[in-house]
Amino acid sequence: MFSHSLKMFPLVLLLSWADAHYYGHAHGHGPYYNPHSGGGSDNGGSSGYAYNGCQTVPVPRNIRVFAIPDGFLYVAANASAGTPDSGFLVDLLNAIKQQSGIPYTLTSRPDLKFGNVNPDGTWDGTLIGALINDEADLIGADLTINAEREAVVDFLVPLATYSLQILYNAQKGLNNGVQYLIRDDADLTFLKISKNSTLQAIYRNILAGMPDSIVQSDTEGARKVLRGNFAYLTDSPFPQLAAAQTGGLLGVQPGTLGNFLIFLPVQQGSLLREKLNIVLLELAENGFLPALFSKYGLVQFSTTN
């Protein structure tokens, strides 16, 4: 869900049971998996079990949360200024604590990347790696599911949706010499496997420009675009917000390159997954999440069965 000082993140909660069923089906529970259930299948239950071939990880007494500060979703505490942690993620974690009775510890980790496997097969130096190495129990980051991530961690019910869009220098436009930039390797994989010729061309452009074509945050991407002949592929609605805040110096290419769901990951086999799924649904049902969306000026997506 989250990384960027100019960014107003598109957290769109998916509240329907159909989404919960989709999630369960994706994890081998079958189309009738109910996250409120205490068990009943060989993959579920409230006591120890083997999950995807892994030993169950019990619900922690204190949830260790790693997140990358982004200036909106998560604003890290500033000791010199005397300001505490704040943002959407902090409000959400406080509500989860109150609803579940489980405290949490939030750790700012701007040194970590989001989560893609290294050439040597490890995940060291990434948020996903923090889960694999038992350094964290939950990641507060805008992560999409891809095959590599799904193989090593578990994800909660879908929490958000975003569209992949292009932010460009309005004075230069999207000319033939533009260098495309990208942040998330999951988005790069989407370009790689696409059958669309335009997306394939963008993918080849990014590869040719590596490593300079990979940025670490939306802020870095926007600054590069402002300085030269660059175009940045990133999550909506950051492009619109950046364009508005720069007085028209940045433009947004109409349309979208693709639409994606975003999930919060936990350790593979963790019983915390079921616990937090229930809490998120309860927070939606009691009205907290709609109010939280409204507080941060976000548009909530609702569905009916």
C-alpha atoms as a PDB file:
ATOM      1  CA  MET A   1       0.000   0.000   0.000  1.00  0.00           C
ATOM      2  CA  PHE A   2       2.681   2.884   0.330  1.00  0.00           C
ATOM      3  CA  SER A   3       5.846   5.038  -0.535  1.00  0.00           C
ATOM      4  CA  HIS A   4       5.989   8.737  -1.447  1.00  0.00           C
ATOM      5  CA  SER A   5       6.150  12.281  -0.054  1.00  0.00           C
ATOM      6  CA  LEU A   6       3.918  13.810  -2.727  1.00  0.00           C
ATOM      7  CA  LYS A   7       1.735  10.751  -2.903  1.00  0.00           C
ATOM      8  CA  MET A   8      -1.909  10.487  -1.891  1.00  0.00           C
ATOM      9  CA  PHE A   9      -2.290   6.755  -2.062  1.00  0.00           C
ATOM     10  CA  PRO A  10      -5.316   5.122  -3.707  1.00  0.00           C
ATOM     11  CA  LEU A  11      -6.390   2.894  -0.856  1.00  0.00           C
ATOM     12  CA  VAL A  12      -9.624   1.376  -2.084  1.00  0.00           C
ATOM     13  CA  LEU A  13     -10.926  -1.275   0.263  1.00  0.00           C
ATOM     14  CA  LEU A  14     -12.597  -4.269  -1.306  1.00  0.00           C
ATOM     15  CA  LEU A  15     -15.365  -5.187   1.094  1.00  0.00           C
ATOM     16  CA  SER A  16     -17.376  -7.864  -0.671  1.00  0.00           C
ATOM     17  CA  TRP A  17     -17.291 -11.501   0.312  1.00  0.00           C
ATOM     18  CA  ALA A  18     -16.570 -12.220  -3.332  1.00  0.00           C
ATOM     19  CA  ASP A  19     -13.147 -10.647  -2.845  1.00  0.00           C
ATOM     20  CA  ALA A  20     -12.538 -12.719   0.264  1.00  0.00           C
ATOM     21  CA  HIS A  21     -13.507 -15.821  -1.703  1.00  0.00           C
ATOM     22  CA  TYR A  22     -11.100 -14.833  -4.467  1.00  0.00           C
ATOM     23  CA  TYR A  23      -8.322 -14.423  -1.958  1.00  0.00           C
ATOM     24  CA  GLY A  24      -9.001 -17.793  -0.382  1.00  0.00           C
ATOM     25  CA  HIS A  25      -9.149 -19.497  -3.778  1.00  0.00           C
ATOM     26  CA  ALA A  26      -5.782 -17.983  -4.695  1.00  0.00           C
ATOM     27  CA  HIS A  27      -4.299 -19.576  -1.596  1.00  0.00           C
ATOM     28  CA  GLY A  28      -5.677 -23.037  -2.174  1.00  0.00           C
ATOM     29  CA  HIS A  29      -8.695 -22.818   0.121  1.00  0.00           C
ATOM     30  CA  GLY A  30     -11.189 -23.221  -2.699  1.00  0.00           C
ATOM     31  CA  PRO A  31     -13.946 -20.814  -3.676  1.00  0.00           C
ATOM     32  CA  TYR A  32     -15.864 -21.191  -0.423  1.00  0.00           C
ATOM     33  CA  TYR A  33     -13.126 -20.262   2.019  1.00  0.00           C
ATOM     34  CA  ASN A  34     -14.483 -17.976   4.737  1.00  0.00           C
ATOM     35  CA  PRO A  35     -11.931 -15.828   6.598  1.00  0.00           C
ATOM     36  CA  HIS A  36     -14.241 -15.846   9.651  1.00  0.00           C
ATOM     37  CA  SER A  37     -13.968 -19.634   9.855  1.00  0.00           C
ATOM     38  CA  GLY A  38     -11.848 -21.195  12.580  1.00  0.00           C
ATOM     39  CA  GLY A  39     -10.932 -24.160  10.444  1.00  0.00           C
ATOM     40  CA  GLY A  40     -12.511 -27.046   8.636  1.00  0.00           C
ATOM     41  CA  SER A  41      -9.995 -27.547   5.839  1.00  0.00           C
ATOM     42  CA  ASP A  42      -6.551 -29.056   5.675  1.00  0.00           C
ATOM     43  CA  ASN A  43      -5.135 -25.589   5.076  1.00  0.00           C
ATOM     44  CA  GLY A  44      -7.026 -23.691   7.768  1.00  0.00           C
ATOM     45  CA  GLY A  45      -7.827 -23.717  11.433  1.00  0.00           C
ATOM     46  CA  SER A  46      -7.053 -21.981  14.665  1.00  0.00           C
ATOM     47  CA  SER A  47      -4.381 -24.411  15.854  1.00  0.00           C
ATOM     48  CA  GLY A  48      -1.061 -25.465  14.369  1.00  0.00           C
ATOM     49  CA  TYR A  49      -1.032 -26.829  10.827  1.00  0.00           C
ATOM     50  CA  ALA A  50       1.172 -27.075   7.786  1.00  0.00           C
ATOM     51  CA  TYR A  51       0.453 -24.221   5.379  1.00  0.00           C
ATOM     52  CA  ASN A  52       1.687 -24.508   1.791  1.00  0.00           C
ATOM     53  CA  GLY A  53       4.172 -27.054   3.087  1.00  0.00           C
ATOM     54  CA  CYS A  54       5.373 -24.739   5.852  1.00  0.00           C
ATOM     55  CA  GLN A  55       4.958 -24.968   9.607  1.00  0.00           C
ATOM     56  CA  THR A  56       2.370 -22.584  11.012  1.00  0.00           C
ATOM     57  CA  VAL A  57       3.644 -19.346  12.523  1.00  0.00           C
ATOM     58  CA  PRO A  58       1.610 -18.459  15.644  1.00  0.00           C
ATOM     59  CA  VAL A  59      -0.043 -15.085  16.174  1.00  0.00           C
ATOM     60  CA  PRO A  60       2.635 -12.863  17.751  1.00  0.00           C
ATOM     61  CA  ARG A  61       2.143 -11.181  21.119  1.00  0.00           C
ATOM     62  CA  ASN A  62       3.407  -7.967  19.532  1.00  0.00           C
ATOM     63  CA  ILE A  63       3.121  -7.326  15.795  1.00  0.00           C
ATOM     64  CA  ARG A  64       6.437  -6.174  14.334  1.00  0.00           C
ATOM     65  CA  VAL A  65       5.647  -3.872  11.414  1.00  0.00           C
ATOM     66  CA  PHE A  66       8.232  -2.632   8.902  1.00  0.00           C
ATOM     67  CA  ALA A  67       7.396   0.267   6.589  1.00  0.00           C
ATOM     68  CA  ILE A  68       9.149   2.705   4.289  1.00  0.00           C
ATOM     69  CA  PRO A  69       8.299   6.347   5.164  1.00  0.00           C
ATOM     70  CA  ASP A  70       6.486   8.052   2.307  1.00  0.00           C
ATOM     71  CA  GLY A  71       5.224  11.331   3.737  1.00  0.00           C
ATOM     72  CA  PHE A  72       1.571  10.356   3.425  1.00  0.00           C
ATOM     73  CA  LEU A  73       0.691   6.775   4.234  1.00  0.00           C
ATOM     74  CA  TYR A  74       3.466   6.684   6.795  1.00  0.00           C
ATOM     75  CA  VAL A  75       5.227   9.750   8.179  1.00  0.00           C
ATOM     76  CA  ALA A  76       8.044   8.602  10.443  1.00  0.00           C
ATOM     77  CA  ALA A  77       8.562  10.163  13.853  1.00  0.00           C
ATOM     78  CA  ASN A  78      10.998  13.078  14.026  1.00  0.00           C
ATOM     79  CA  ALA A  79      12.767  13.221  17.374  1.00  0.00           C
ATOM     80  CA  SER A  80      14.264  16.681  16.808  1.00  0.00           C
ATOM     81  CA  ALA A  81      10.876  18.124  15.866  1.00  0.00           C
ATOM     82  CA  GLY A  82       9.087  16.159  18.567  1.00  0.00           C
ATOM     83  CA  THR A  83       6.566  14.660  16.130  1.00  0.00           C
ATOM     84  CA  PRO A  84       5.307  11.071  16.439  1.00  0.00           C
ATOM     85  CA  ASP A  85       4.645   8.495  13.721  1.00  0.00           C
ATOM     86  CA  SER A  86       1.568   9.492  11.731  1.00  0.00           C
ATOM     87  CA  GLY A  87      -0.370   8.847   8.525  1.00  0.00           C
ATOM     88  CA  PHE A  88      -2.932   6.397   7.194  1.00  0.00           C
ATOM     89  CA  LEU A  89      -0.877   3.352   8.161  1.00  0.00           C
ATOM     90  CA  VAL A  90      -0.488   4.516  11.761  1.00  0.00           C
ATOM     91  CA  ASP A  91      -4.219   5.197  12.119  1.00  0.00           C
ATOM     92  CA  LEU A  92      -4.960   1.766  10.661  1.00  0.00           C
ATOM     93  CA  LEU A  93      -2.484   0.010  12.977  1.00  0.00           C
ATOM     94  CA  ASN A  94      -3.927   1.797  16.012  1.00  0.00           C
ATOM     95  CA  ALA A  95      -7.406   0.615  15.052  1.00  0.00           C
ATOM     96  CA  ILE A  96      -6.140  -2.944  14.530  1.00  0.00           C
ATOM     97  CA  LYS A  97      -4.537  -2.812  17.980  1.00  0.00           C
ATOM     98  CA  GLN A  98      -7.775  -1.626  19.583  1.00  0.00           C
ATOM     99  CA  GLN A  99      -9.918  -4.186  17.737  1.00  0.00           C
ATOM    100  CA  SER A 100      -7.614  -7.189  18.220  1.00  0.00           C
ATOM    101  CA  GLY A 101      -5.947  -6.361  21.527  1.00  0.00           C
ATOM    102  CA  ILE A 102      -2.534  -7.063  19.985  1.00  0.00           C
ATOM    103  CA  PRO A 103       0.041  -4.244  20.310  1.00  0.00           C
ATOM    104  CA  TYR A 104       2.419  -3.403  17.501  1.00  0.00           C
ATOM    105  CA  THR A 105       5.871  -1.942  17.001  1.00  0.00           C
ATOM    106  CA  LEU A 106       6.328   0.126  13.847  1.00  0.00           C
ATOM    107  CA  THR A 107       9.877   0.396  12.521  1.00  0.00           C
ATOM    108  CA  SER A 108      10.918   2.837   9.821  1.00  0.00           C
ATOM    109  CA  ARG A 109      13.083   1.074   7.226  1.00  0.00           C
ATOM    110  CA  PRO A 110      13.953   3.513   4.431  1.00  0.00           C
ATOM    111  CA  ASP A 111      17.054   1.406   3.770  1.00  0.00           C
ATOM    112  CA  LEU A 112      15.028  -1.509   2.402  1.00  0.00           C
ATOM    113  CA  LYS A 113      13.665  -2.059  -1.091  1.00  0.00           C
ATOM    114  CA  PHE A 114      10.115  -3.213  -1.605  1.00  0.00           C
ATOM    115  CA  GLY A 115      10.559  -6.851  -2.362  1.00  0.00           C
ATOM    116  CA  ASN A 116      12.029  -8.711  -5.302  1.00  0.00           C
ATOM    117  CA  VAL A 117      14.307 -11.712  -5.296  1.00  0.00           C
ATOM    118  CA  ASN A 118      18.022 -11.046  -5.681  1.00  0.00           C
ATOM    119  CA  PRO A 119      20.138 -12.689  -8.411  1.00  0.00           C
ATOM    120  CA  ASP A 120      21.525 -15.099  -5.795  1.00  0.00           C
ATOM    121  CA  GLY A 121      17.992 -16.250  -4.920  1.00  0.00           C
ATOM    122  CA  THR A 122      17.806 -14.439  -1.570  1.00  0.00           C
ATOM    123  CA  TRP A 123      15.465 -11.615  -0.556  1.00  0.00           C
ATOM    124  CA  ASP A 124      17.995  -9.813   1.642  1.00  0.00           C
ATOM    125  CA  GLY A 125      17.663  -6.034   1.719  1.00  0.00           C
ATOM    126  CA  THR A 126      13.926  -6.081   0.980  1.00  0.00           C
ATOM    127  CA  LEU A 127      10.699  -5.822   2.945  1.00  0.00           C
ATOM    128  CA  ILE A 128       9.734  -9.308   1.779  1.00  0.00           C
ATOM    129  CA  GLY A 129      13.081 -10.561   3.064  1.00  0.00           C
ATOM    130  CA  ALA A 130      12.270  -9.112   6.499  1.00  0.00           C
ATOM    131  CA  LEU A 131       9.267 -11.463   6.668  1.00  0.00           C
ATOM    132  CA  ILE A 132      11.211 -14.471   5.404  1.00  0.00           C
ATOM    133  CA  ASN A 133      14.025 -13.847   7.902  1.00  0.00           C
ATOM    134  CA  ASP A 134      11.554 -13.421  10.813  1.00  0.00           C
ATOM    135  CA  GLU A 135      12.523  -9.789  11.354  1.00  0.00           C
ATOM    136  CA  ALA A 136       8.936  -8.568  10.852  1.00  0.00           C
ATOM    137  CA  ASP A 137       5.407  -9.976  11.120  1.00  0.00           C
ATOM    138  CA  LEU A 138       3.603  -7.507   8.839  1.00  0.00           C
ATOM    139  CA  ILE A 139       4.707  -5.155   6.059  1.00  0.00           C
ATOM    140  CA  GLY A 140       3.036  -1.774   5.612  1.00  0.00           C
ATOM    141  CA  ALA A 141       3.834  -1.206   1.942  1.00  0.00           C
ATOM    142  CA  ASP A 142       2.011  -0.937  -1.386  1.00  0.00           C
ATOM    143  CA  LEU A 143       2.881  -4.381  -2.680  1.00  0.00           C
ATOM    144  CA  THR A 144       1.180  -6.155  -5.524  1.00  0.00           C
ATOM    145  CA  ILE A 145       1.179  -9.936  -5.800  1.00  0.00           C
ATOM    146  CA  ASN A 146       3.509 -11.623  -8.241  1.00  0.00           C
ATOM    147  CA  ALA A 147       4.525 -15.283  -8.499  1.00  0.00           C
ATOM    148  CA  GLU A 148       7.846 -14.842  -6.712  1.00  0.00           C
ATOM    149  CA  ARG A 149       6.322 -13.013  -3.732  1.00  0.00           C
ATOM    150  CA  GLU A 150       3.357 -15.375  -3.491  1.00  0.00           C
ATOM    151  CA  ALA A 151       5.752 -18.318  -3.206  1.00  0.00           C
ATOM    152  CA  VAL A 152       7.454 -17.021  -0.055  1.00  0.00           C
ATOM    153  CA  VAL A 153       4.916 -14.934   1.915  1.00  0.00           C
ATOM    154  CA  ASP A 154       1.146 -14.794   2.511  1.00  0.00           C
ATOM    155  CA  PHE A 155      -1.114 -11.846   1.768  1.00  0.00           C
ATOM    156  CA  LEU A 156      -4.153 -10.460   3.544  1.00  0.00           C
ATOM    157  CA  VAL A 157      -7.474  -9.817   1.802  1.00  0.00           C
ATOM    158  CA  PRO A 158      -7.164  -7.211  -0.985  1.00  0.00           C
ATOM    159  CA  LEU A 159      -6.802  -3.800   0.625  1.00  0.00           C
ATOM    160  CA  ALA A 160      -6.428  -1.410  -2.274  1.00  0.00           C
ATOM    161  CA  THR A 161      -6.422  -0.921  -6.008  1.00  0.00           C
ATOM    162  CA  TYR A 162      -4.334   1.303  -8.225  1.00  0.00           C
ATOM    163  CA  SER A 163      -3.856   2.171 -11.870  1.00  0.00           C
ATOM    164  CA  LEU A 164      -0.428   2.320 -13.501  1.00  0.00           C
ATOM    165  CA  GLN A 165      -0.021   5.681 -15.247  1.00  0.00           C
ATOM    166  CA  ILE A 166       2.666   7.817 -16.887  1.00  0.00           C
ATOM    167  CA  LEU A 167       3.906  11.117 -15.440  1.00  0.00           C
ATOM    168  CA  TYR A 168       5.883  13.180 -17.956  1.00  0.00           C
ATOM    169  CA  ASN A 169       7.617  16.546 -18.404  1.00  0.00           C
ATOM    170  CA  ALA A 170       4.923  18.778 -19.876  1.00  0.00           C
ATOM    171  CA  GLN A 171       7.461  20.931 -21.707  1.00  0.00           C
ATOM    172  CA  LYS A 172       9.087  17.982 -23.445  1.00  0.00           C
ATOM    173  CA  GLY A 173       6.142  15.625 -23.852  1.00  0.00           C
ATOM    174  CA  LEU A 174       6.449  11.919 -24.618  1.00  0.00           C
ATOM    175  CA  ASN A 175       8.959  12.238 -27.456  1.00  0.00           C
ATOM    176  CA  ASN A 176      11.036   9.489 -29.027  1.00  0.00           C
ATOM    177  CA  GLY A 177      14.058  10.288 -26.859  1.00  0.00           C
ATOM    178  CA  VAL A 178      12.292  10.058 -23.511  1.00  0.00           C
ATOM    179  CA  GLN A 179      13.751   7.758 -20.859  1.00  0.00           C
ATOM    180  CA  TYR A 180      11.120   5.871 -18.876  1.00  0.00           C
ATOM    181  CA  LEU A 181      11.509   5.376 -15.134  1.00  0.00           C
ATOM    182  CA  ILE A 182       9.901   2.840 -12.811  1.00  0.00           C
ATOM    183  CA  ARG A 183       9.978   1.999  -9.093  1.00  0.00           C
ATOM    184  CA  ASP A 184       8.341  -1.360  -8.448  1.00  0.00           C
ATOM    185  CA  ASP A 185       9.772  -4.505 -10.037  1.00  0.00           C
ATOM    186  CA  ALA A 186       6.266  -6.003 -10.018  1.00  0.00           C
ATOM    187  CA  ASP A 187       5.214  -3.275 -12.453  1.00  0.00           C
ATOM    188  CA  LEU A 188       8.313  -4.003 -14.518  1.00  0.00           C
ATOM    189  CA  THR A 189       7.312  -7.673 -14.666  1.00  0.00           C
ATOM    190  CA  PHE A 190       3.860  -6.615 -15.864  1.00  0.00           C
ATOM    191  CA  LEU A 191       5.484  -4.718 -18.747  1.00  0.00           C
ATOM    192  CA  LYS A 192       7.769  -7.656 -19.519  1.00  0.00           C
ATOM    193  CA  ILE A 193       4.983 -10.217 -19.915  1.00  0.00           C
ATOM    194  CA  SER A 194       2.554  -7.888 -21.675  1.00  0.00           C
ATOM    195  CA  LYS A 195       1.637  -8.705 -25.281  1.00  0.00           C
ATOM    196  CA  ASN A 196       1.015  -5.014 -25.992  1.00  0.00           C
ATOM    197  CA  SER A 197       3.676  -3.640 -28.346  1.00  0.00           C
ATOM    198  CA  THR A 198       3.707  -0.197 -26.673  1.00  0.00           C
ATOM    199  CA  LEU A 199       4.259  -1.690 -23.223  1.00  0.00           C
ATOM    200  CA  GLN A 200       6.964  -3.960 -24.636  1.00  0.00           C
ATOM    201  CA  ALA A 201       8.723  -0.903 -26.077  1.00  0.00           C
ATOM    202  CA  ILE A 202       8.559   0.852 -22.692  1.00  0.00           C
ATOM    203  CA  TYR A 203       9.976  -2.273 -21.049  1.00  0.00           C
ATOM    204  CA  ARG A 204      12.942  -2.345 -23.454  1.00  0.00           C
ATOM    205  CA  ASN A 205      13.491   1.382 -22.870  1.00  0.00           C
ATOM    206  CA  ILE A 206      13.659   0.859 -19.088  1.00  0.00           C
ATOM    207  CA  LEU A 207      16.049  -2.087 -19.450  1.00  0.00           C
ATOM    208  CA  ALA A 208      18.354  -0.071 -21.673  1.00  0.00           C
ATOM    209  CA  GLY A 209      18.425   2.742 -19.130  1.00  0.00           C
ATOM    210  CA  MET A 210      19.260   0.606 -16.090  1.00  0.00           C
ATOM    211  CA  PRO A 211      20.285   1.202 -13.390  1.00  0.00           C
ATOM    212  CA  ASP A 212      19.391   4.895 -13.696  1.00  0.00           C
ATOM    213  CA  SER A 213      15.876   4.071 -14.892  1.00  0.00           C
ATOM    214  CA  ILE A 214      15.003   2.528 -11.508  1.00  0.00           C
ATOM    215  CA  VAL A 215      14.009   5.000  -8.774  1.00  0.00           C
ATOM    216  CA  GLN A 216      13.447   4.390  -5.074  1.00  0.00           C
ATOM    217  CA  SER A 217      10.418   6.632  -4.482  1.00  0.00           C
ATOM    218  CA  ASP A 218       7.737   8.654  -6.220  1.00  0.00           C
ATOM    219  CA  THR A 219       9.492  11.825  -5.083  1.00  0.00           C
ATOM    220  CA  GLU A 220      12.707  10.798  -6.831  1.00  0.00           C
ATOM    221  CA  GLY A 221      10.774   9.871  -9.964  1.00  0.00           C
ATOM    222  CA  ALA A 222       8.934  13.194 -10.099  1.00  0.00           C
ATOM    223  CA  ARG A 223      12.115  15.189  -9.518  1.00  0.00           C
ATOM    224  CA  LYS A 224      13.880  13.403 -12.361  1.00  0.00           C
ATOM    225  CA  VAL A 225      10.974  14.080 -14.690  1.00  0.00           C
ATOM    226  CA  LEU A 226      11.036  17.764 -13.737  1.00  0.00           C
ATOM    227  CA  ARG A 227      14.772  18.000 -14.488  1.00  0.00           C
ATOM    228  CA  GLY A 228      14.890  16.378 -17.896  1.00  0.00           C
ATOM    229  CA  ASN A 229      13.522  14.213 -20.670  1.00  0.00           C
ATOM    230  CA  PHE A 230      12.027  11.504 -18.457  1.00  0.00           C
ATOM    231  CA  ALA A 231       8.648   9.859 -17.992  1.00  0.00           C
ATOM    232  CA  TYR A 232       7.743   8.008 -14.794  1.00  0.00           C
ATOM    233  CA  LEU A 233       5.438   4.983 -14.524  1.00  0.00           C
ATOM    234  CA  THR A 234       3.735   4.952 -11.128  1.00  0.00           C
ATOM    235  CA  ASP A 235       0.541   4.382  -9.160  1.00  0.00           C
ATOM    236  CA  SER A 236      -2.524   6.603  -9.380  1.00  0.00           C
ATOM    237  CA  PRO A 237      -3.391   9.114  -8.044  1.00  0.00           C
ATOM    238  CA  PHE A 238       0.198  10.291  -7.474  1.00  0.00           C
ATOM    239  CA  PRO A 239       0.611  11.487 -11.091  1.00  0.00           C
ATOM    240  CA  GLN A 240      -2.454  13.744 -10.824  1.00  0.00           C
ATOM    241  CA  LEU A 241      -1.343  15.092  -7.455  1.00  0.00           C
ATOM    242  CA  ALA A 242       2.195  15.763  -8.666  1.00  0.00           C
ATOM    243  CA  ALA A 243       0.927  17.519 -11.806  1.00  0.00           C
ATOM    244  CA  ALA A 244      -1.340  19.765  -9.719  1.00  0.00           C
ATOM    245  CA  GLN A 245       1.396  20.621  -7.211  1.00  0.00           C
ATOM    246  CA  THR A 246       3.907  21.597  -9.907  1.00  0.00           C
ATOM    247  CA  GLY A 247       1.636  24.100 -11.624  1.00  0.00           C
ATOM    248  CA  GLY A 248       1.420  22.209 -14.891  1.00  0.00           C
ATOM    249  CA  LEU A 249       5.144  21.493 -15.267  1.00  0.00           C
ATOM    250  CA  LEU A 250       4.261  17.809 -15.138  1.00  0.00           C
ATOM    251  CA  GLY A 251       1.610  16.103 -17.233  1.00  0.00           C
ATOM    252  CA  VAL A 252      -0.276  12.813 -16.953  1.00  0.00           C
ATOM    253  CA  GLN A 253      -0.791  10.601 -19.979  1.00  0.00           C
ATOM    254  CA  PRO A 254      -4.548   9.949 -20.355  1.00  0.00           C
ATOM    255  CA  GLY A 255      -5.723   6.424 -19.648  1.00  0.00           C
ATOM    256  CA  THR A 256      -4.046   3.661 -17.714  1.00  0.00           C
ATOM    257  CA  LEU A 257      -1.499   0.978 -18.519  1.00  0.00           C
ATOM    258  CA  GLY A 258      -3.188  -1.496 -16.185  1.00  0.00           C
ATOM    259  CA  ASN A 259      -5.181  -1.891 -12.967  1.00  0.00           C
ATOM    260  CA  PHE A 260      -3.899  -3.853  -9.974  1.00  0.00           C
ATOM    261  CA  LEU A 261      -4.864  -4.996  -6.487  1.00  0.00           C
ATOM    262  CA  ILE A 262      -2.653  -4.288  -3.503  1.00  0.00           C
ATOM    263  CA  PHE A 263      -2.236  -6.541  -0.468  1.00  0.00           C
ATOM    264  CA  LEU A 264      -0.436  -6.363   2.878  1.00  0.00           C
ATOM    265  CA  PRO A 265       1.931  -9.337   3.337  1.00  0.00           C
ATOM    266  CA  VAL A 266       2.630 -11.424   6.444  1.00  0.00           C
ATOM    267  CA  GLN A 267       4.946 -14.366   7.074  1.00  0.00           C
ATOM    268  CA  GLN A 268       4.078 -17.513   5.161  1.00  0.00           C
ATOM    269  CA  GLY A 269       1.923 -19.816   7.257  1.00  0.00           C
ATOM    270  CA  SER A 270       1.213 -17.118   9.844  1.00  0.00           C
ATOM    271  CA  LEU A 271      -2.043 -17.373  11.789  1.00  0.00           C
ATOM    272  CA  LEU A 272      -1.866 -13.579  11.904  1.00  0.00           C
ATOM    273  CA  ARG A 273      -3.265 -13.603   8.370  1.00  0.00           C
ATOM    274  CA  GLU A 274      -6.642 -14.965   9.450  1.00  0.00           C
ATOM    275  CA  LYS A 275      -6.689 -12.768  12.566  1.00  0.00           C
ATOM    276  CA  LEU A 276      -6.071  -9.580  10.605  1.00  0.00           C
ATOM    277  CA  ASN A 277      -8.486 -10.534   7.826  1.00  0.00           C
ATOM    278  CA  ILE A 278     -11.267 -10.748  10.405  1.00  0.00           C
ATOM    279  CA  VAL A 279     -10.207  -7.453  11.999  1.00  0.00           C
ATOM    280  CA  LEU A 280     -10.184  -5.636   8.642  1.00  0.00           C
ATOM    281  CA  LEU A 281     -13.677  -6.888   7.851  1.00  0.00           C
ATOM    282  CA  GLU A 282     -14.902  -5.830  11.306  1.00  0.00           C
ATOM    283  CA  LEU A 283     -13.391  -2.362  10.861  1.00  0.00           C
ATOM    284  CA  ALA A 284     -15.200  -2.060   7.549  1.00  0.00           C
ATOM    285  CA  GLU A 285     -18.492  -3.224   9.041  1.00  0.00           C
ATOM    286  CA  ASN A 286     -18.362  -0.873  12.050  1.00  0.00           C
ATOM    287  CA  GLY A 287     -17.712   2.180   9.871  1.00  0.00           C
ATOM    288  CA  PHE A 288     -14.125   2.898  10.896  1.00  0.00           C
ATOM    289  CA  LEU A 289     -12.548   2.248   7.506  1.00  0.00           C
ATOM    290  CA  PRO A 290     -15.000   4.424   5.539  1.00  0.00           C
ATOM    291  CA  ALA A 291     -14.283   7.242   8.004  1.00  0.00           C
ATOM    292  CA  LEU A 292     -10.541   6.687   7.652  1.00  0.00           C
ATOM    293  CA  PHE A 293     -10.799   6.906   3.869  1.00  0.00           C
ATOM    294  CA  SER A 294     -12.726  10.133   4.218  1.00  0.00           C
ATOM    295  CA  LYS A 295     -10.161  11.595   6.634  1.00  0.00           C
ATOM    296  CA  TYR A 296      -7.389  11.182   4.078  1.00  0.00           C
ATOM    297  CA  GLY A 297      -9.451  12.315   1.120  1.00  0.00           C
ATOM    298  CA  LEU A 298      -9.524   8.884  -0.460  1.00  0.00           C
ATOM    299  CA  VAL A 299     -12.330   7.375  -2.491  1.00  0.00           C
ATOM    300  CA  GLN A 300     -13.696   4.135  -1.115  1.00  0.00           C
ATOM    301  CA  PHE A 301     -14.753   1.393  -3.489  1.00  0.00           C
ATOM    302  CA  SER A 302     -17.831  -0.569  -2.422  1.00  0.00           C
ATOM    303  CA  THR A 303     -19.512  -3.577  -3.928  1.00  0.00           C
ATOM    304  CA  THR A 304     -22.768  -5.398  -3.296  1.00  0.00           C
ATOM    305  CA  ASN A 305     -23.423  -9.093  -3.571  1.00  0.00           C
END
